[in-house]
Amino acid sequence: MLSKFWPQSQVTHPGFLIPRLFFVFILMLGFGSYLGFHFYDYQIKRFDEFNRQWLKQTTSKFKRKPQRGTIFDRNMYILAGNEETYRVFGDFDELNE
């Protein structure tokens, strides 16, 4: 079957495919090692750096003064008041509507 593509002298030569397969194997092993190193670098070693960048892009801090004080009913029971919170999550699309 190989004789159709290559001359007979190359097909019967015992070292015909081995050096080429070894070269391809070394090339693929090097490429896999390169990718593995970069995946390790990005996902494990630089996780804290990327996590800080992500938090800066997705969160923002700002101070907002309350617009009203405590609301009482006629018997001086508190109906509504202000409560200090440290973490508030909101969708900016809903806030702008």
N, C-alpha and C. Protein backbone atom coordinates (compact mmCIF):
# COMPACT_ATOMS: atom_id res chain seq x y z
N MET A 1 0.82 -1.20 0.00
CA MET A 1 0.00 0.00 0.00
C MET A 1 0.86 1.26 0.00
N LEU A 2 1.92 1.28 0.80
CA LEU A 2 2.79 2.44 0.85
C LEU A 2 3.58 2.64 -0.43
N SER A 3 3.74 1.56 -1.20
CA SER A 3 4.54 1.66 -2.42
C SER A 3 3.89 2.56 -3.46
N LYS A 4 2.60 2.84 -3.36
CA LYS A 4 1.96 3.74 -4.29
C LYS A 4 2.42 5.18 -4.08
N PHE A 5 2.73 5.53 -2.84
CA PHE A 5 3.05 6.90 -2.52
C PHE A 5 4.55 7.18 -2.45
N TRP A 6 5.34 6.18 -2.04
CA TRP A 6 6.78 6.36 -1.89
C TRP A 6 7.52 5.30 -2.69
N PRO A 7 8.69 5.64 -3.11
CA PRO A 7 9.49 4.61 -3.80
C PRO A 7 9.77 3.43 -2.89
N GLN A 8 10.00 2.26 -3.50
CA GLN A 8 10.18 1.02 -2.75
C GLN A 8 11.37 1.09 -1.81
N SER A 9 12.40 1.80 -2.16
CA SER A 9 13.58 1.86 -1.31
C SER A 9 13.28 2.58 0.01
N GLN A 10 12.39 3.56 0.00
CA GLN A 10 12.06 4.26 1.24
C GLN A 10 11.08 3.46 2.09
N VAL A 11 10.19 2.72 1.47
CA VAL A 11 9.20 1.95 2.22
C VAL A 11 9.86 0.81 2.98
N THR A 12 10.79 0.15 2.37
CA THR A 12 11.42 -0.99 3.01
C THR A 12 12.54 -0.59 3.96
N HIS A 13 12.93 0.64 3.93
CA HIS A 13 14.00 1.10 4.83
C HIS A 13 13.48 1.05 6.26
N PRO A 14 14.21 0.43 7.18
CA PRO A 14 13.68 0.24 8.55
C PRO A 14 13.52 1.54 9.32
N GLY A 15 14.26 2.58 9.00
CA GLY A 15 14.15 3.83 9.75
C GLY A 15 13.33 4.89 9.05
N PHE A 16 12.39 4.46 8.22
CA PHE A 16 11.61 5.41 7.42
C PHE A 16 10.65 6.25 8.27
N LEU A 17 9.82 5.62 9.07
CA LEU A 17 8.79 6.34 9.82
C LEU A 17 9.21 6.73 11.23
N ILE A 18 10.12 6.04 11.81
CA ILE A 18 10.47 6.26 13.21
C ILE A 18 11.01 7.66 13.48
N PRO A 19 11.94 8.20 12.70
CA PRO A 19 12.40 9.56 12.99
C PRO A 19 11.31 10.61 12.82
N ARG A 20 10.46 10.42 11.82
CA ARG A 20 9.38 11.39 11.61
C ARG A 20 8.34 11.33 12.73
N LEU A 21 7.98 10.12 13.15
CA LEU A 21 7.03 9.98 14.26
C LEU A 21 7.62 10.52 15.55
N PHE A 22 8.90 10.28 15.76
CA PHE A 22 9.56 10.81 16.95
C PHE A 22 9.56 12.33 16.94
N PHE A 23 9.83 12.91 15.77
CA PHE A 23 9.80 14.38 15.65
C PHE A 23 8.40 14.93 15.93
N VAL A 24 7.37 14.31 15.37
CA VAL A 24 5.99 14.76 15.61
C VAL A 24 5.64 14.58 17.08
N PHE A 25 6.05 13.47 17.68
CA PHE A 25 5.78 13.23 19.09
C PHE A 25 6.44 14.31 19.96
N ILE A 26 7.70 14.62 19.70
CA ILE A 26 8.41 15.65 20.47
C ILE A 26 7.76 17.02 20.26
N LEU A 27 7.35 17.29 19.03
CA LEU A 27 6.68 18.57 18.74
C LEU A 27 5.36 18.69 19.51
N MET A 28 4.54 17.65 19.51
CA MET A 28 3.26 17.67 20.22
C MET A 28 3.48 17.71 21.73
N LEU A 29 4.49 17.01 22.22
CA LEU A 29 4.79 17.03 23.65
C LEU A 29 5.23 18.43 24.08
N GLY A 30 6.04 19.08 23.26
CA GLY A 30 6.46 20.45 23.57
C GLY A 30 5.29 21.42 23.56
N PHE A 31 4.41 21.29 22.57
CA PHE A 31 3.24 22.17 22.49
C PHE A 31 2.31 21.93 23.68
N GLY A 32 2.09 20.68 24.04
CA GLY A 32 1.25 20.37 25.20
C GLY A 32 1.85 20.88 26.50
N SER A 33 3.17 20.78 26.62
CA SER A 33 3.84 21.32 27.82
C SER A 33 3.70 22.83 27.89
N TYR A 34 3.84 23.48 26.75
CA TYR A 34 3.68 24.94 26.68
C TYR A 34 2.27 25.36 27.11
N LEU A 35 1.26 24.68 26.56
CA LEU A 35 -0.12 25.00 26.95
C LEU A 35 -0.38 24.68 28.42
N GLY A 36 0.13 23.56 28.89
CA GLY A 36 -0.06 23.19 30.29
C GLY A 36 0.58 24.20 31.23
N PHE A 37 1.76 24.69 30.89
CA PHE A 37 2.40 25.70 31.72
C PHE A 37 1.57 26.98 31.78
N HIS A 38 1.07 27.42 30.64
CA HIS A 38 0.29 28.66 30.63
C HIS A 38 -1.05 28.49 31.34
N PHE A 39 -1.70 27.34 31.18
CA PHE A 39 -2.93 27.11 31.92
C PHE A 39 -2.66 27.12 33.42
N TYR A 40 -1.59 26.48 33.85
CA TYR A 40 -1.22 26.49 35.27
C TYR A 40 -0.92 27.90 35.74
N ASP A 41 -0.20 28.66 34.93
CA ASP A 41 0.17 30.02 35.30
C ASP A 41 -1.07 30.90 35.45
N TYR A 42 -1.99 30.82 34.49
CA TYR A 42 -3.19 31.67 34.54
C TYR A 42 -4.17 31.23 35.61
N GLN A 43 -4.40 29.94 35.76
CA GLN A 43 -5.47 29.49 36.64
C GLN A 43 -5.04 29.32 38.09
N ILE A 44 -3.79 29.05 38.34
CA ILE A 44 -3.36 28.78 39.71
C ILE A 44 -2.47 29.89 40.25
N LYS A 45 -1.39 30.20 39.55
CA LYS A 45 -0.45 31.19 40.07
C LYS A 45 -1.00 32.61 40.05
N ARG A 46 -1.73 32.98 39.00
CA ARG A 46 -2.20 34.35 38.86
C ARG A 46 -3.69 34.50 39.17
N PHE A 47 -4.26 33.54 39.91
CA PHE A 47 -5.68 33.59 40.23
C PHE A 47 -6.05 34.84 41.01
N ASP A 48 -5.26 35.19 42.03
CA ASP A 48 -5.58 36.36 42.85
C ASP A 48 -5.55 37.65 42.03
N GLU A 49 -4.60 37.78 41.14
CA GLU A 49 -4.52 38.97 40.30
C GLU A 49 -5.74 39.09 39.40
N PHE A 50 -6.12 37.99 38.74
CA PHE A 50 -7.28 38.03 37.86
C PHE A 50 -8.58 38.20 38.65
N ASN A 51 -8.64 37.65 39.86
CA ASN A 51 -9.82 37.81 40.69
C ASN A 51 -10.00 39.28 41.10
N ARG A 52 -8.89 39.95 41.45
CA ARG A 52 -8.98 41.38 41.78
C ARG A 52 -9.42 42.20 40.58
N GLN A 53 -8.91 41.88 39.39
CA GLN A 53 -9.34 42.60 38.19
C GLN A 53 -10.82 42.38 37.93
N TRP A 54 -11.29 41.16 38.12
CA TRP A 54 -12.70 40.87 37.90
C TRP A 54 -13.58 41.62 38.90
N LEU A 55 -13.14 41.67 40.17
CA LEU A 55 -13.93 42.38 41.17
C LEU A 55 -13.98 43.88 40.87
N LYS A 56 -12.88 44.45 40.37
CA LYS A 56 -12.89 45.86 40.01
C LYS A 56 -13.85 46.14 38.86
N GLN A 57 -13.97 45.21 37.94
CA GLN A 57 -14.85 45.41 36.79
C GLN A 57 -16.31 45.19 37.14
N THR A 58 -16.60 44.36 38.13
CA THR A 58 -17.98 44.01 38.40
C THR A 58 -18.56 44.69 39.63
N THR A 59 -17.75 45.28 40.47
CA THR A 59 -18.28 45.94 41.67
C THR A 59 -17.84 47.39 41.70
N SER A 60 -18.61 48.18 42.35
CA SER A 60 -18.24 49.58 42.57
C SER A 60 -18.75 49.99 43.95
N LYS A 61 -18.03 50.89 44.56
CA LYS A 61 -18.40 51.36 45.89
C LYS A 61 -18.69 52.85 45.80
N PHE A 62 -19.77 53.25 46.39
CA PHE A 62 -20.07 54.67 46.48
C PHE A 62 -20.93 54.89 47.71
N LYS A 63 -20.85 56.08 48.26
CA LYS A 63 -21.64 56.41 49.43
C LYS A 63 -22.89 57.15 48.99
N ARG A 64 -23.96 56.84 49.65
CA ARG A 64 -25.23 57.48 49.33
C ARG A 64 -25.90 57.85 50.64
N LYS A 65 -26.26 59.09 50.76
CA LYS A 65 -26.94 59.54 51.98
C LYS A 65 -28.40 59.13 51.92
N PRO A 66 -28.98 58.78 53.05
CA PRO A 66 -30.40 58.41 53.07
C PRO A 66 -31.27 59.61 52.69
N GLN A 67 -32.34 59.34 51.99
CA GLN A 67 -33.23 60.40 51.53
C GLN A 67 -34.30 60.76 52.55
N ARG A 68 -34.49 59.91 53.53
CA ARG A 68 -35.52 60.22 54.54
C ARG A 68 -35.12 59.62 55.87
N GLY A 69 -35.76 60.04 56.89
CA GLY A 69 -35.50 59.54 58.23
C GLY A 69 -36.49 58.47 58.60
N THR A 70 -36.65 58.25 59.89
CA THR A 70 -37.56 57.24 60.40
C THR A 70 -38.99 57.74 60.30
N ILE A 71 -39.90 56.85 59.87
CA ILE A 71 -41.32 57.20 59.77
C ILE A 71 -42.06 56.45 60.88
N PHE A 72 -42.86 57.22 61.65
CA PHE A 72 -43.62 56.66 62.76
C PHE A 72 -45.11 56.72 62.44
N ASP A 73 -45.88 55.83 63.08
CA ASP A 73 -47.33 55.97 63.00
C ASP A 73 -47.80 56.85 64.16
N ARG A 74 -49.09 57.00 64.34
CA ARG A 74 -49.60 57.92 65.36
C ARG A 74 -49.33 57.44 66.77
N ASN A 75 -49.04 56.13 66.96
CA ASN A 75 -48.70 55.62 68.28
C ASN A 75 -47.19 55.52 68.50
N MET A 76 -46.43 56.13 67.65
CA MET A 76 -44.97 56.19 67.72
C MET A 76 -44.29 54.82 67.50
N TYR A 77 -44.95 53.98 66.73
CA TYR A 77 -44.32 52.74 66.29
C TYR A 77 -43.59 53.01 64.98
N ILE A 78 -42.41 52.43 64.82
CA ILE A 78 -41.62 52.67 63.61
C ILE A 78 -42.22 51.88 62.45
N LEU A 79 -42.61 52.61 61.39
CA LEU A 79 -43.12 51.97 60.18
C LEU A 79 -42.01 51.73 59.16
N ALA A 80 -41.12 52.70 59.03
CA ALA A 80 -40.01 52.59 58.08
C ALA A 80 -38.81 53.32 58.64
N GLY A 81 -37.65 52.76 58.41
CA GLY A 81 -36.45 53.40 58.92
C GLY A 81 -35.26 53.07 58.03
N ASN A 82 -34.14 53.61 58.38
CA ASN A 82 -32.91 53.35 57.63
C ASN A 82 -32.09 52.31 58.34
N GLU A 83 -31.54 51.43 57.58
CA GLU A 83 -30.70 50.38 58.13
C GLU A 83 -29.39 50.36 57.34
N GLU A 84 -28.29 50.36 58.06
CA GLU A 84 -26.98 50.36 57.41
C GLU A 84 -26.63 48.96 56.95
N THR A 85 -26.26 48.85 55.68
CA THR A 85 -25.83 47.56 55.12
C THR A 85 -24.44 47.71 54.54
N TYR A 86 -23.73 46.61 54.51
CA TYR A 86 -22.37 46.65 54.01
C TYR A 86 -22.23 46.09 52.61
N ARG A 87 -23.14 45.25 52.19
CA ARG A 87 -23.11 44.71 50.84
C ARG A 87 -24.49 44.82 50.22
N VAL A 88 -24.56 45.53 49.14
CA VAL A 88 -25.81 45.69 48.42
C VAL A 88 -25.54 45.33 46.97
N PHE A 89 -26.36 44.45 46.42
CA PHE A 89 -26.22 44.05 45.03
C PHE A 89 -27.42 44.57 44.26
N GLY A 90 -27.16 45.12 43.11
CA GLY A 90 -28.25 45.65 42.31
C GLY A 90 -27.94 45.54 40.84
N ASP A 91 -28.98 45.47 40.04
CA ASP A 91 -28.85 45.44 38.58
C ASP A 91 -29.01 46.86 38.08
N PHE A 92 -27.97 47.39 37.43
CA PHE A 92 -27.99 48.78 37.01
C PHE A 92 -29.07 49.04 35.97
N ASP A 93 -29.44 48.03 35.20
CA ASP A 93 -30.53 48.22 34.23
C ASP A 93 -31.84 48.47 34.93
N GLU A 94 -32.09 47.78 36.03
CA GLU A 94 -33.32 47.97 36.79
C GLU A 94 -33.29 49.29 37.56
N LEU A 95 -32.12 49.72 38.01
CA LEU A 95 -32.04 50.97 38.74
C LEU A 95 -32.29 52.18 37.87
N ASN A 96 -31.91 52.09 36.61
CA ASN A 96 -32.08 53.23 35.70
C ASN A 96 -33.50 53.37 35.18
N GLU A 97 -34.33 52.33 35.33
CA GLU A 97 -35.70 52.40 34.81
C GLU A 97 -36.61 53.20 35.69
